[in-house]
Amino acid sequence: MSVTRYHSMCRQGIGRPVQIRTFNGQVHRGVIERVGGNRVYLRPFGRANFAGYGYPYYGGYGGYGGWGWGAGIALGAIAALAFIPFFF
């Protein structure tokens, strides 16, 4: 599937839970928070939205592995994207 198609699907799915599998085999599950020009940013399941003091955490610890918004997942790295019906 093309990057343009994934971008469109992610933009339409903001606020919805997804599972994304990348070409290197990593699986990311979470809620789509935002979509940039070439990246999608997830809020991972089971993680608090705050960094301890009531402020949103936008740091980079762990990159797109689920420790905040970090660097996001490159749209070109997505091998499969599936919207999931329920939270885990």
C-alpha atoms as a PDB file:
ATOM      1  CA  MET A   1       0.000   0.000   0.000  1.00  0.00           C
ATOM      2  CA  SER A   2       1.287   3.487  -0.747  1.00  0.00           C
ATOM      3  CA  VAL A   3       2.456   6.005   1.832  1.00  0.00           C
ATOM      4  CA  THR A   4      -0.289   8.375   0.657  1.00  0.00           C
ATOM      5  CA  ARG A   5      -2.934   5.747   1.410  1.00  0.00           C
ATOM      6  CA  TYR A   6      -1.545   5.081   4.917  1.00  0.00           C
ATOM      7  CA  HIS A   7      -1.431   8.833   5.559  1.00  0.00           C
ATOM      8  CA  SER A   8      -5.080   9.167   4.560  1.00  0.00           C
ATOM      9  CA  MET A   9      -6.153   6.159   6.644  1.00  0.00           C
ATOM     10  CA  CYS A  10      -4.299   7.439   9.712  1.00  0.00           C
ATOM     11  CA  ARG A  11      -5.735  10.967   9.368  1.00  0.00           C
ATOM     12  CA  GLN A  12      -9.252   9.541   9.201  1.00  0.00           C
ATOM     13  CA  GLY A  13      -8.511   7.287  12.175  1.00  0.00           C
ATOM     14  CA  ILE A  14      -7.308   9.898  14.682  1.00  0.00           C
ATOM     15  CA  GLY A  15      -8.659   8.870  18.081  1.00  0.00           C
ATOM     16  CA  ARG A  16      -9.158   5.230  17.067  1.00  0.00           C
ATOM     17  CA  PRO A  17      -7.200   2.218  18.357  1.00  0.00           C
ATOM     18  CA  VAL A  18      -4.851   0.584  15.835  1.00  0.00           C
ATOM     19  CA  GLN A  19      -2.229  -2.080  15.444  1.00  0.00           C
ATOM     20  CA  ILE A  20       0.684  -1.210  13.174  1.00  0.00           C
ATOM     21  CA  ARG A  21       3.260  -3.728  11.972  1.00  0.00           C
ATOM     22  CA  THR A  22       6.459  -2.335  10.446  1.00  0.00           C
ATOM     23  CA  PHE A  23       8.644  -3.951   7.805  1.00  0.00           C
ATOM     24  CA  ASN A  24      11.229  -4.880  10.452  1.00  0.00           C
ATOM     25  CA  GLY A  25       8.604  -6.927  12.345  1.00  0.00           C
ATOM     26  CA  GLN A  26       7.823  -4.571  15.228  1.00  0.00           C
ATOM     27  CA  VAL A  27       4.203  -4.335  16.331  1.00  0.00           C
ATOM     28  CA  HIS A  28       2.823  -1.106  17.807  1.00  0.00           C
ATOM     29  CA  ARG A  29      -0.625  -0.876  19.416  1.00  0.00           C
ATOM     30  CA  GLY A  30      -2.261   2.322  20.565  1.00  0.00           C
ATOM     31  CA  VAL A  31      -4.593   5.163  19.754  1.00  0.00           C
ATOM     32  CA  ILE A  32      -3.688   7.493  16.898  1.00  0.00           C
ATOM     33  CA  GLU A  33      -2.982  10.878  18.492  1.00  0.00           C
ATOM     34  CA  ARG A  34      -1.825  12.810  15.447  1.00  0.00           C
ATOM     35  CA  VAL A  35      -0.419  12.420  11.963  1.00  0.00           C
ATOM     36  CA  GLY A  36       2.466  14.511  10.643  1.00  0.00           C
ATOM     37  CA  GLY A  37       3.703  14.850   7.092  1.00  0.00           C
ATOM     38  CA  ASN A  38       5.419  11.458   7.115  1.00  0.00           C
ATOM     39  CA  ARG A  39       4.813  10.021  10.615  1.00  0.00           C
ATOM     40  CA  VAL A  40       1.978   8.730  12.738  1.00  0.00           C
ATOM     41  CA  TYR A  41       2.028   9.235  16.509  1.00  0.00           C
ATOM     42  CA  LEU A  42       0.362   6.758  18.859  1.00  0.00           C
ATOM     43  CA  ARG A  43      -0.691   6.907  22.493  1.00  0.00           C
ATOM     44  CA  PRO A  44       0.201   3.376  23.624  1.00  0.00           C
ATOM     45  CA  PHE A  45      -2.283   1.262  25.556  1.00  0.00           C
ATOM     46  CA  GLY A  46      -1.653   0.959  29.283  1.00  0.00           C
ATOM     47  CA  ARG A  47       0.488   4.066  29.549  1.00  0.00           C
ATOM     48  CA  ALA A  48      -0.523   7.171  31.460  1.00  0.00           C
ATOM     49  CA  ASN A  49      -0.878  10.341  29.435  1.00  0.00           C
ATOM     50  CA  PHE A  50       1.136  12.316  31.955  1.00  0.00           C
ATOM     51  CA  ALA A  51       4.759  12.361  33.006  1.00  0.00           C
ATOM     52  CA  GLY A  52       4.125  12.534  36.738  1.00  0.00           C
ATOM     53  CA  TYR A  53       3.353  16.216  37.317  1.00  0.00           C
ATOM     54  CA  GLY A  54       0.182  16.662  35.299  1.00  0.00           C
ATOM     55  CA  TYR A  55       2.000  17.692  32.128  1.00  0.00           C
ATOM     56  CA  PRO A  56       1.822  15.769  28.864  1.00  0.00           C
ATOM     57  CA  TYR A  57       4.962  13.816  28.042  1.00  0.00           C
ATOM     58  CA  TYR A  58       6.394  14.542  24.616  1.00  0.00           C
ATOM     59  CA  GLY A  59       9.895  13.244  25.293  1.00  0.00           C
ATOM     60  CA  GLY A  60      11.974  10.909  23.228  1.00  0.00           C
ATOM     61  CA  TYR A  61      12.905   8.138  25.666  1.00  0.00           C
ATOM     62  CA  GLY A  62      12.200   4.967  23.756  1.00  0.00           C
ATOM     63  CA  GLY A  63      11.448   6.771  20.489  1.00  0.00           C
ATOM     64  CA  TYR A  64       8.307   5.412  18.894  1.00  0.00           C
ATOM     65  CA  GLY A  65       8.427   2.317  21.091  1.00  0.00           C
ATOM     66  CA  GLY A  66       5.720   3.624  23.362  1.00  0.00           C
ATOM     67  CA  TRP A  67       7.207   6.027  25.906  1.00  0.00           C
ATOM     68  CA  GLY A  68       5.341   9.090  24.701  1.00  0.00           C
ATOM     69  CA  TRP A  69       5.024  10.662  21.292  1.00  0.00           C
ATOM     70  CA  GLY A  70       8.747  10.477  20.685  1.00  0.00           C
ATOM     71  CA  ALA A  71       9.741  10.282  17.039  1.00  0.00           C
ATOM     72  CA  GLY A  72       6.570   8.626  15.747  1.00  0.00           C
ATOM     73  CA  ILE A  73       6.324   5.770  13.272  1.00  0.00           C
ATOM     74  CA  ALA A  74       7.412   6.559   9.737  1.00  0.00           C
ATOM     75  CA  LEU A  75       4.553   6.025   7.300  1.00  0.00           C
ATOM     76  CA  GLY A  76       6.991   4.458   4.832  1.00  0.00           C
ATOM     77  CA  ALA A  77       7.921   1.790   7.407  1.00  0.00           C
ATOM     78  CA  ILE A  78       4.353   0.512   7.811  1.00  0.00           C
ATOM     79  CA  ALA A  79       3.817  -2.960   6.411  1.00  0.00           C
ATOM     80  CA  ALA A  80       0.275  -3.408   7.791  1.00  0.00           C
ATOM     81  CA  LEU A  81      -2.225  -1.201   9.587  1.00  0.00           C
ATOM     82  CA  ALA A  82      -5.379  -2.531  11.239  1.00  0.00           C
ATOM     83  CA  PHE A  83      -8.023  -0.666  13.175  1.00  0.00           C
ATOM     84  CA  ILE A  84      -9.004  -2.702  16.229  1.00  0.00           C
ATOM     85  CA  PRO A  85     -12.457  -2.629  17.804  1.00  0.00           C
ATOM     86  CA  PHE A  86     -11.598  -2.730  21.514  1.00  0.00           C
ATOM     87  CA  PHE A  87      -8.890  -1.652  23.901  1.00  0.00           C
ATOM     88  CA  PHE A  88      -6.752  -4.399  25.411  1.00  0.00           C
END
